Amino acid sequence: TKKFSGNQMLLAKLEYHFTYFPFIEPTFLFCDAAVIGNKFIYNDPVISYGLGFTLAESLVSFNDSEVFPLHAHIILYRTMESNDGNWGIEFITD
């Protein structure tokens, strides 16, 4: 969106990685803070936080004849400055 545009960005990330489930590669909690724009305004950062995990590579079959490997990243996040503060989800495959 235009609110998050410009030619400069300063980003700080904090992540905590841990393993909880055997079929999920390391899970992580994160918090990001960024200042974005053509001129930095340090007292108005964009902050997001959430949970992410990677599904370990496994075979997926939609019918008996098709089997393929799946390696996917799923990130649940919340950013108060956009999307009316609602939670979002990203699904990324390799």
PDB file of N, CA and C in Angstrom:
ATOM      1  N   THR A   1       0.843  -1.187   0.000  1.00  0.00           N
ATOM      2  CA  THR A   1       0.000   0.000   0.000  1.00  0.00           C
ATOM      3  C   THR A   1       0.878   1.236   0.000  1.00  0.00           C
ATOM      4  N   LYS A   2       0.291   2.365  -0.284  1.00  0.00           N
ATOM      5  CA  LYS A   2       1.069   3.602  -0.302  1.00  0.00           C
ATOM      6  C   LYS A   2       1.618   3.956   1.076  1.00  0.00           C
ATOM      7  N   LYS A   3       0.920   3.516   2.118  1.00  0.00           N
ATOM      8  CA  LYS A   3       1.402   3.808   3.471  1.00  0.00           C
ATOM      9  C   LYS A   3       2.763   3.179   3.708  1.00  0.00           C
ATOM     10  N   PHE A   4       3.021   2.031   3.095  1.00  0.00           N
ATOM     11  CA  PHE A   4       4.275   1.319   3.280  1.00  0.00           C
ATOM     12  C   PHE A   4       5.135   1.403   2.031  1.00  0.00           C
ATOM     13  N   SER A   5       5.299   2.584   1.468  1.00  0.00           N
ATOM     14  CA  SER A   5       6.138   2.725   0.280  1.00  0.00           C
ATOM     15  C   SER A   5       7.180   3.813   0.502  1.00  0.00           C
ATOM     16  N   GLY A   6       8.193   3.795  -0.317  1.00  0.00           N
ATOM     17  CA  GLY A   6       9.265   4.768  -0.230  1.00  0.00           C
ATOM     18  C   GLY A   6      10.555   4.148  -0.700  1.00  0.00           C
ATOM     19  N   ASN A   7      11.619   4.938  -0.696  1.00  0.00           N
ATOM     20  CA  ASN A   7      12.896   4.424  -1.192  1.00  0.00           C
ATOM     21  C   ASN A   7      13.878   4.105  -0.065  1.00  0.00           C
ATOM     22  N   GLN A   8      13.422   4.131   1.185  1.00  0.00           N
ATOM     23  CA  GLN A   8      14.278   3.801   2.317  1.00  0.00           C
ATOM     24  C   GLN A   8      13.526   2.899   3.295  1.00  0.00           C
ATOM     25  N   MET A   9      14.275   1.983   3.935  1.00  0.00           N
ATOM     26  CA  MET A   9      13.667   1.123   4.944  1.00  0.00           C
ATOM     27  C   MET A   9      14.719   0.771   5.988  1.00  0.00           C
ATOM     28  N   LEU A  10      14.316   0.790   7.220  1.00  0.00           N
ATOM     29  CA  LEU A  10      15.142   0.354   8.342  1.00  0.00           C
ATOM     30  C   LEU A  10      14.330  -0.719   9.053  1.00  0.00           C
ATOM     31  N   LEU A  11      14.905  -1.934   9.201  1.00  0.00           N
ATOM     32  CA  LEU A  11      14.159  -3.071   9.726  1.00  0.00           C
ATOM     33  C   LEU A  11      14.906  -3.704  10.887  1.00  0.00           C
ATOM     34  N   ALA A  12      14.181  -4.016  11.950  1.00  0.00           N
ATOM     35  CA  ALA A  12      14.726  -4.775  13.081  1.00  0.00           C
ATOM     36  C   ALA A  12      13.871  -6.023  13.240  1.00  0.00           C
ATOM     37  N   LYS A  13      14.525  -7.183  13.374  1.00  0.00           N
ATOM     38  CA  LYS A  13      13.816  -8.460  13.507  1.00  0.00           C
ATOM     39  C   LYS A  13      14.270  -9.165  14.774  1.00  0.00           C
ATOM     40  N   LEU A  14      13.317  -9.781  15.441  1.00  0.00           N
ATOM     41  CA  LEU A  14      13.606 -10.601  16.605  1.00  0.00           C
ATOM     42  C   LEU A  14      12.868 -11.916  16.397  1.00  0.00           C
ATOM     43  N   GLU A  15      13.614 -13.042  16.430  1.00  0.00           N
ATOM     44  CA  GLU A  15      13.010 -14.359  16.227  1.00  0.00           C
ATOM     45  C   GLU A  15      13.488 -15.321  17.292  1.00  0.00           C
ATOM     46  N   TYR A  16      12.593 -16.215  17.708  1.00  0.00           N
ATOM     47  CA  TYR A  16      12.932 -17.276  18.638  1.00  0.00           C
ATOM     48  C   TYR A  16      12.523 -18.590  17.987  1.00  0.00           C
ATOM     49  N   HIS A  17      13.507 -19.446  17.660  1.00  0.00           N
ATOM     50  CA  HIS A  17      13.262 -20.721  16.981  1.00  0.00           C
ATOM     51  C   HIS A  17      13.256 -21.863  17.992  1.00  0.00           C
ATOM     52  N   PHE A  18      12.327 -22.795  17.815  1.00  0.00           N
ATOM     53  CA  PHE A  18      12.258 -23.968  18.677  1.00  0.00           C
ATOM     54  C   PHE A  18      11.604 -25.112  17.902  1.00  0.00           C
ATOM     55  N   THR A  19      11.816 -26.344  18.356  1.00  0.00           N
ATOM     56  CA  THR A  19      11.199 -27.517  17.744  1.00  0.00           C
ATOM     57  C   THR A  19      10.171 -28.070  18.718  1.00  0.00           C
ATOM     58  N   TYR A  20       8.945 -28.243  18.233  1.00  0.00           N
ATOM     59  CA  TYR A  20       7.874 -28.715  19.102  1.00  0.00           C
ATOM     60  C   TYR A  20       7.225 -29.986  18.569  1.00  0.00           C
ATOM     61  N   PHE A  21       7.003 -30.055  17.255  1.00  0.00           N
ATOM     62  CA  PHE A  21       6.373 -31.216  16.636  1.00  0.00           C
ATOM     63  C   PHE A  21       7.377 -31.919  15.738  1.00  0.00           C
ATOM     64  N   PRO A  22       7.380 -33.251  15.679  1.00  0.00           N
ATOM     65  CA  PRO A  22       8.367 -33.966  14.862  1.00  0.00           C
ATOM     66  C   PRO A  22       8.191 -33.758  13.358  1.00  0.00           C
ATOM     67  N   PHE A  23       6.976 -33.515  12.849  1.00  0.00           N
ATOM     68  CA  PHE A  23       6.757 -33.360  11.415  1.00  0.00           C
ATOM     69  C   PHE A  23       6.872 -31.913  10.955  1.00  0.00           C
ATOM     70  N   ILE A  24       7.091 -31.018  11.904  1.00  0.00           N
ATOM     71  CA  ILE A  24       7.274 -29.606  11.572  1.00  0.00           C
ATOM     72  C   ILE A  24       8.698 -29.228  11.919  1.00  0.00           C
ATOM     73  N   GLU A  25       9.402 -28.677  10.926  1.00  0.00           N
ATOM     74  CA  GLU A  25      10.761 -28.212  11.174  1.00  0.00           C
ATOM     75  C   GLU A  25      10.684 -27.036  12.139  1.00  0.00           C
ATOM     76  N   PRO A  26      11.790 -26.484  12.551  1.00  0.00           N
ATOM     77  CA  PRO A  26      11.748 -25.468  13.615  1.00  0.00           C
ATOM     78  C   PRO A  26      10.631 -24.440  13.452  1.00  0.00           C
ATOM     79  N   THR A  27       9.896 -24.258  14.532  1.00  0.00           N
ATOM     80  CA  THR A  27       8.841 -23.255  14.612  1.00  0.00           C
ATOM     81  C   THR A  27       9.489 -21.979  15.137  1.00  0.00           C
ATOM     82  N   PHE A  28       8.934 -20.828  14.774  1.00  0.00           N
ATOM     83  CA  PHE A  28       9.522 -19.601  15.296  1.00  0.00           C
ATOM     84  C   PHE A  28       8.453 -18.570  15.610  1.00  0.00           C
ATOM     85  N   LEU A  29       8.723 -17.822  16.665  1.00  0.00           N
ATOM     86  CA  LEU A  29       7.952 -16.643  17.020  1.00  0.00           C
ATOM     87  C   LEU A  29       8.755 -15.451  16.539  1.00  0.00           C
ATOM     88  N   PHE A  30       8.078 -14.409  16.066  1.00  0.00           N
ATOM     89  CA  PHE A  30       8.833 -13.264  15.569  1.00  0.00           C
ATOM     90  C   PHE A  30       8.129 -11.955  15.877  1.00  0.00           C
ATOM     91  N   CYS A  31       8.937 -10.904  15.881  1.00  0.00           N
ATOM     92  CA  CYS A  31       8.451  -9.531  15.987  1.00  0.00           C
ATOM     93  C   CYS A  31       9.340  -8.683  15.087  1.00  0.00           C
ATOM     94  N   ASP A  32       8.734  -7.946  14.175  1.00  0.00           N
ATOM     95  CA  ASP A  32       9.461  -7.075  13.255  1.00  0.00           C
ATOM     96  C   ASP A  32       9.032  -5.631  13.499  1.00  0.00           C
ATOM     97  N   ALA A  33       9.968  -4.728  13.400  1.00  0.00           N
ATOM     98  CA  ALA A  33       9.671  -3.298  13.466  1.00  0.00           C
ATOM     99  C   ALA A  33      10.404  -2.632  12.313  1.00  0.00           C
ATOM    100  N   ALA A  34       9.699  -1.805  11.543  1.00  0.00           N
ATOM    101  CA  ALA A  34      10.297  -1.171  10.369  1.00  0.00           C
ATOM    102  C   ALA A  34       9.873   0.285  10.274  1.00  0.00           C
ATOM    103  N   VAL A  35      10.763   1.069   9.730  1.00  0.00           N
ATOM    104  CA  VAL A  35      10.476   2.451   9.373  1.00  0.00           C
ATOM    105  C   VAL A  35      10.657   2.508   7.866  1.00  0.00           C
ATOM    106  N   ILE A  36       9.597   2.896   7.150  1.00  0.00           N
ATOM    107  CA  ILE A  36       9.595   2.861   5.694  1.00  0.00           C
ATOM    108  C   ILE A  36       9.162   4.224   5.169  1.00  0.00           C
ATOM    109  N   GLY A  37       9.817   4.686   4.121  1.00  0.00           N
ATOM    110  CA  GLY A  37       9.401   5.936   3.502  1.00  0.00           C
ATOM    111  C   GLY A  37      10.535   6.619   2.785  1.00  0.00           C
ATOM    112  N   ASN A  38      10.266   7.818   2.299  1.00  0.00           N
ATOM    113  CA  ASN A  38      11.303   8.615   1.653  1.00  0.00           C
ATOM    114  C   ASN A  38      12.116   9.393   2.684  1.00  0.00           C
ATOM    115  N   LYS A  39      11.550   9.583   3.857  1.00  0.00           N
ATOM    116  CA  LYS A  39      12.243  10.217   4.984  1.00  0.00           C
ATOM    117  C   LYS A  39      11.805   9.469   6.230  1.00  0.00           C
ATOM    118  N   PHE A  40      12.752   9.026   7.029  1.00  0.00           N
ATOM    119  CA  PHE A  40      12.424   8.240   8.220  1.00  0.00           C
ATOM    120  C   PHE A  40      11.720   9.089   9.266  1.00  0.00           C
ATOM    121  N   ILE A  41      10.617   8.553   9.774  1.00  0.00           N
ATOM    122  CA  ILE A  41       9.927   9.130  10.918  1.00  0.00           C
ATOM    123  C   ILE A  41       9.987   8.045  11.989  1.00  0.00           C
ATOM    124  N   TYR A  42      10.934   8.175  12.897  1.00  0.00           N
ATOM    125  CA  TYR A  42      11.246   7.115  13.850  1.00  0.00           C
ATOM    126  C   TYR A  42      10.169   6.881  14.899  1.00  0.00           C
ATOM    127  N   ASN A  43       9.289   7.828  15.111  1.00  0.00           N
ATOM    128  CA  ASN A  43       8.268   7.644  16.153  1.00  0.00           C
ATOM    129  C   ASN A  43       6.998   6.982  15.605  1.00  0.00           C
ATOM    130  N   ASP A  44       7.014   6.488  14.355  1.00  0.00           N
ATOM    131  CA  ASP A  44       5.848   5.836  13.763  1.00  0.00           C
ATOM    132  C   ASP A  44       6.259   4.554  13.030  1.00  0.00           C
ATOM    133  N   PRO A  45       6.845   3.569  13.748  1.00  0.00           N
ATOM    134  CA  PRO A  45       7.276   2.338  13.071  1.00  0.00           C
ATOM    135  C   PRO A  45       6.095   1.430  12.725  1.00  0.00           C
ATOM    136  N   VAL A  46       6.294   0.590  11.724  1.00  0.00           N
ATOM    137  CA  VAL A  46       5.340  -0.461  11.376  1.00  0.00           C
ATOM    138  C   VAL A  46       5.782  -1.699  12.150  1.00  0.00           C
ATOM    139  N   ILE A  47       4.897  -2.279  12.947  1.00  0.00           N
ATOM    140  CA  ILE A  47       5.251  -3.421  13.792  1.00  0.00           C
ATOM    141  C   ILE A  47       4.358  -4.603  13.440  1.00  0.00           C
ATOM    142  N   SER A  48       4.980  -5.759  13.264  1.00  0.00           N
ATOM    143  CA  SER A  48       4.216  -6.989  13.035  1.00  0.00           C
ATOM    144  C   SER A  48       4.799  -8.089  13.906  1.00  0.00           C
ATOM    145  N   TYR A  49       3.974  -9.076  14.198  1.00  0.00           N
ATOM    146  CA  TYR A  49       4.418 -10.200  15.024  1.00  0.00           C
ATOM    147  C   TYR A  49       3.603 -11.425  14.639  1.00  0.00           C
ATOM    148  N   GLY A  50       4.113 -12.597  15.025  1.00  0.00           N
ATOM    149  CA  GLY A  50       3.370 -13.796  14.703  1.00  0.00           C
ATOM    150  C   GLY A  50       4.145 -15.071  14.940  1.00  0.00           C
ATOM    151  N   LEU A  51       3.723 -16.112  14.218  1.00  0.00           N
ATOM    152  CA  LEU A  51       4.232 -17.462  14.368  1.00  0.00           C
ATOM    153  C   LEU A  51       4.465 -18.024  12.978  1.00  0.00           C
ATOM    154  N   GLY A  52       5.586 -18.711  12.793  1.00  0.00           N
ATOM    155  CA  GLY A  52       5.875 -19.329  11.508  1.00  0.00           C
ATOM    156  C   GLY A  52       6.397 -20.730  11.701  1.00  0.00           C
ATOM    157  N   PHE A  53       6.189 -21.567  10.694  1.00  0.00           N
ATOM    158  CA  PHE A  53       6.750 -22.915  10.729  1.00  0.00           C
ATOM    159  C   PHE A  53       6.895 -23.445   9.311  1.00  0.00           C
ATOM    160  N   THR A  54       7.734 -24.459   9.184  1.00  0.00           N
ATOM    161  CA  THR A  54       8.001 -25.103   7.907  1.00  0.00           C
ATOM    162  C   THR A  54       7.577 -26.552   8.008  1.00  0.00           C
ATOM    163  N   LEU A  55       6.736 -26.981   7.079  1.00  0.00           N
ATOM    164  CA  LEU A  55       6.355 -28.381   7.032  1.00  0.00           C
ATOM    165  C   LEU A  55       7.502 -29.158   6.420  1.00  0.00           C
ATOM    166  N   ALA A  56       7.942 -30.211   7.095  1.00  0.00           N
ATOM    167  CA  ALA A  56       9.047 -31.025   6.592  1.00  0.00           C
ATOM    168  C   ALA A  56       8.661 -31.624   5.254  1.00  0.00           C
ATOM    169  N   GLU A  57       9.673 -31.844   4.424  1.00  0.00           N
ATOM    170  CA  GLU A  57       9.395 -32.408   3.110  1.00  0.00           C
ATOM    171  C   GLU A  57       8.731 -33.766   3.257  1.00  0.00           C
ATOM    172  N   SER A  58       7.596 -33.929   2.623  1.00  0.00           N
ATOM    173  CA  SER A  58       6.845 -35.172   2.707  1.00  0.00           C
ATOM    174  C   SER A  58       6.172 -35.418   1.372  1.00  0.00           C
ATOM    175  N   LEU A  59       5.673 -36.614   1.185  1.00  0.00           N
ATOM    176  CA  LEU A  59       4.985 -36.944  -0.056  1.00  0.00           C
ATOM    177  C   LEU A  59       3.504 -36.682   0.101  1.00  0.00           C
ATOM    178  N   VAL A  60       2.927 -36.007  -0.880  1.00  0.00           N
ATOM    179  CA  VAL A  60       1.515 -35.679  -0.872  1.00  0.00           C
ATOM    180  C   VAL A  60       0.874 -36.335  -2.079  1.00  0.00           C
ATOM    181  N   SER A  61      -0.283 -36.945  -1.900  1.00  0.00           N
ATOM    182  CA  SER A  61      -0.971 -37.616  -2.993  1.00  0.00           C
ATOM    183  C   SER A  61      -2.411 -37.133  -3.053  1.00  0.00           C
ATOM    184  N   PHE A  62      -2.826 -36.629  -4.224  1.00  0.00           N
ATOM    185  CA  PHE A  62      -4.216 -36.222  -4.414  1.00  0.00           C
ATOM    186  C   PHE A  62      -5.052 -37.360  -4.977  1.00  0.00           C
ATOM    187  N   ASN A  63      -4.396 -38.314  -5.591  1.00  0.00           N
ATOM    188  CA  ASN A  63      -5.044 -39.552  -6.023  1.00  0.00           C
ATOM    189  C   ASN A  63      -3.962 -40.625  -6.035  1.00  0.00           C
ATOM    190  N   ASP A  64      -4.292 -41.826  -6.377  1.00  0.00           N
ATOM    191  CA  ASP A  64      -3.323 -42.918  -6.283  1.00  0.00           C
ATOM    192  C   ASP A  64      -2.170 -42.811  -7.272  1.00  0.00           C
ATOM    193  N   SER A  65      -2.322 -42.021  -8.330  1.00  0.00           N
ATOM    194  CA  SER A  65      -1.275 -41.974  -9.349  1.00  0.00           C
ATOM    195  C   SER A  65      -0.320 -40.791  -9.198  1.00  0.00           C
ATOM    196  N   GLU A  66      -0.703 -39.730  -8.487  1.00  0.00           N
ATOM    197  CA  GLU A  66       0.143 -38.546  -8.359  1.00  0.00           C
ATOM    198  C   GLU A  66       0.730 -38.447  -6.961  1.00  0.00           C
ATOM    199  N   VAL A  67       2.040 -38.487  -6.869  1.00  0.00           N
ATOM    200  CA  VAL A  67       2.729 -38.317  -5.589  1.00  0.00           C
ATOM    201  C   VAL A  67       3.856 -37.332  -5.827  1.00  0.00           C
ATOM    202  N   PHE A  68       3.962 -36.308  -5.006  1.00  0.00           N
ATOM    203  CA  PHE A  68       5.024 -35.323  -5.171  1.00  0.00           C
ATOM    204  C   PHE A  68       5.478 -34.810  -3.810  1.00  0.00           C
ATOM    205  N   PRO A  69       6.720 -34.324  -3.741  1.00  0.00           N
ATOM    206  CA  PRO A  69       7.219 -33.800  -2.456  1.00  0.00           C
ATOM    207  C   PRO A  69       6.640 -32.411  -2.167  1.00  0.00           C
ATOM    208  N   LEU A  70       6.394 -32.148  -0.907  1.00  0.00           N
ATOM    209  CA  LEU A  70       5.892 -30.843  -0.490  1.00  0.00           C
ATOM    210  C   LEU A  70       6.812 -30.290   0.594  1.00  0.00           C
ATOM    211  N   HIS A  71       7.254 -29.071   0.395  1.00  0.00           N
ATOM    212  CA  HIS A  71       8.047 -28.351   1.388  1.00  0.00           C
ATOM    213  C   HIS A  71       7.415 -26.972   1.465  1.00  0.00           C
ATOM    214  N   ALA A  72       6.737 -26.662   2.551  1.00  0.00           N
ATOM    215  CA  ALA A  72       5.961 -25.429   2.637  1.00  0.00           C
ATOM    216  C   ALA A  72       6.269 -24.659   3.911  1.00  0.00           C
ATOM    217  N   HIS A  73       6.196 -23.356   3.790  1.00  0.00           N
ATOM    218  CA  HIS A  73       6.366 -22.446   4.924  1.00  0.00           C
ATOM    219  C   HIS A  73       5.018 -21.775   5.184  1.00  0.00           C
ATOM    220  N   ILE A  74       4.609 -21.741   6.423  1.00  0.00           N
ATOM    221  CA  ILE A  74       3.352 -21.094   6.789  1.00  0.00           C
ATOM    222  C   ILE A  74       3.649 -20.053   7.864  1.00  0.00           C
ATOM    223  N   ILE A  75       3.187 -18.835   7.634  1.00  0.00           N
ATOM    224  CA  ILE A  75       3.432 -17.737   8.569  1.00  0.00           C
ATOM    225  C   ILE A  75       2.099 -17.088   8.914  1.00  0.00           C
ATOM    226  N   LEU A  76       1.776 -17.042  10.195  1.00  0.00           N
ATOM    227  CA  LEU A  76       0.611 -16.328  10.708  1.00  0.00           C
ATOM    228  C   LEU A  76       1.123 -15.017  11.292  1.00  0.00           C
ATOM    229  N   TYR A  77       0.577 -13.889  10.865  1.00  0.00           N
ATOM    230  CA  TYR A  77       1.119 -12.605  11.304  1.00  0.00           C
ATOM    231  C   TYR A  77      -0.002 -11.602  11.563  1.00  0.00           C
ATOM    232  N   ARG A  78       0.348 -10.588  12.313  1.00  0.00           N
ATOM    233  CA  ARG A  78      -0.577  -9.499  12.602  1.00  0.00           C
ATOM    234  C   ARG A  78       0.191  -8.188  12.541  1.00  0.00           C
ATOM    235  N   THR A  79      -0.359  -7.233  11.823  1.00  0.00           N
ATOM    236  CA  THR A  79       0.204  -5.894  11.722  1.00  0.00           C
ATOM    237  C   THR A  79      -0.906  -4.911  12.060  1.00  0.00           C
ATOM    238  N   MET A  80      -0.744  -4.163  13.102  1.00  0.00           N
ATOM    239  CA  MET A  80      -1.794  -3.254  13.543  1.00  0.00           C
ATOM    240  C   MET A  80      -2.031  -2.113  12.549  1.00  0.00           C
ATOM    241  N   GLU A  81      -0.990  -1.734  11.796  1.00  0.00           N
ATOM    242  CA  GLU A  81      -1.091  -0.588  10.904  1.00  0.00           C
ATOM    243  C   GLU A  81      -1.791  -0.898   9.587  1.00  0.00           C
ATOM    244  N   SER A  82      -2.081  -2.161   9.292  1.00  0.00           N
ATOM    245  CA  SER A  82      -2.765  -2.512   8.050  1.00  0.00           C
ATOM    246  C   SER A  82      -3.784  -3.602   8.308  1.00  0.00           C
ATOM    247  N   ASN A  83      -4.672  -3.800   7.367  1.00  0.00           N
ATOM    248  CA  ASN A  83      -5.666  -4.871   7.438  1.00  0.00           C
ATOM    249  C   ASN A  83      -6.531  -4.755   8.693  1.00  0.00           C
ATOM    250  N   ASP A  84      -6.733  -3.551   9.164  1.00  0.00           N
ATOM    251  CA  ASP A  84      -7.562  -3.291  10.344  1.00  0.00           C
ATOM    252  C   ASP A  84      -7.153  -4.101  11.570  1.00  0.00           C
ATOM    253  N   GLY A  85      -5.884  -4.470  11.660  1.00  0.00           N
ATOM    254  CA  GLY A  85      -5.393  -5.219  12.806  1.00  0.00           C
ATOM    255  C   GLY A  85      -5.751  -6.688  12.788  1.00  0.00           C
ATOM    256  N   ASN A  86      -6.292  -7.186  11.665  1.00  0.00           N
ATOM    257  CA  ASN A  86      -6.657  -8.601  11.551  1.00  0.00           C
ATOM    258  C   ASN A  86      -5.419  -9.460  11.316  1.00  0.00           C
ATOM    259  N   TRP A  87      -5.546 -10.756  11.597  1.00  0.00           N
ATOM    260  CA  TRP A  87      -4.472 -11.700  11.358  1.00  0.00           C
ATOM    261  C   TRP A  87      -4.415 -12.039   9.876  1.00  0.00           C
ATOM    262  N   GLY A  88      -3.197 -12.280   9.376  1.00  0.00           N
ATOM    263  CA  GLY A  88      -3.002 -12.692   8.000  1.00  0.00           C
ATOM    264  C   GLY A  88      -2.254 -14.021   7.969  1.00  0.00           C
ATOM    265  N   ILE A  89      -2.236 -14.652   6.812  1.00  0.00           N
ATOM    266  CA  ILE A  89      -1.519 -15.906   6.646  1.00  0.00           C
ATOM    267  C   ILE A  89      -0.785 -15.888   5.312  1.00  0.00           C
ATOM    268  N   GLU A  90       0.442 -16.384   5.328  1.00  0.00           N
ATOM    269  CA  GLU A  90       1.227 -16.567   4.115  1.00  0.00           C
ATOM    270  C   GLU A  90       1.531 -18.045   3.973  1.00  0.00           C
ATOM    271  N   PHE A  91       1.371 -18.561   2.774  1.00  0.00           N
ATOM    272  CA  PHE A  91       1.679 -19.952   2.468  1.00  0.00           C
ATOM    273  C   PHE A  91       2.682 -19.936   1.320  1.00  0.00           C
ATOM    274  N   ILE A  92       3.896 -20.417   1.566  1.00  0.00           N
ATOM    275  CA  ILE A  92       4.987 -20.346   0.592  1.00  0.00           C
ATOM    276  C   ILE A  92       5.486 -21.755   0.332  1.00  0.00           C
ATOM    277  N   THR A  93       5.596 -22.134  -0.938  1.00  0.00           N
ATOM    278  CA  THR A  93       6.132 -23.446  -1.276  1.00  0.00           C
ATOM    279  C   THR A  93       7.445 -23.283  -2.037  1.00  0.00           C
ATOM    280  N   ASP A  94       8.304 -24.253  -1.889  1.00  0.00           N
ATOM    281  CA  ASP A  94       9.585 -24.231  -2.604  1.00  0.00           C
ATOM    282  C   ASP A  94       9.436 -24.923  -3.942  1.00  0.00           C
TER     283      ASP A  94
END
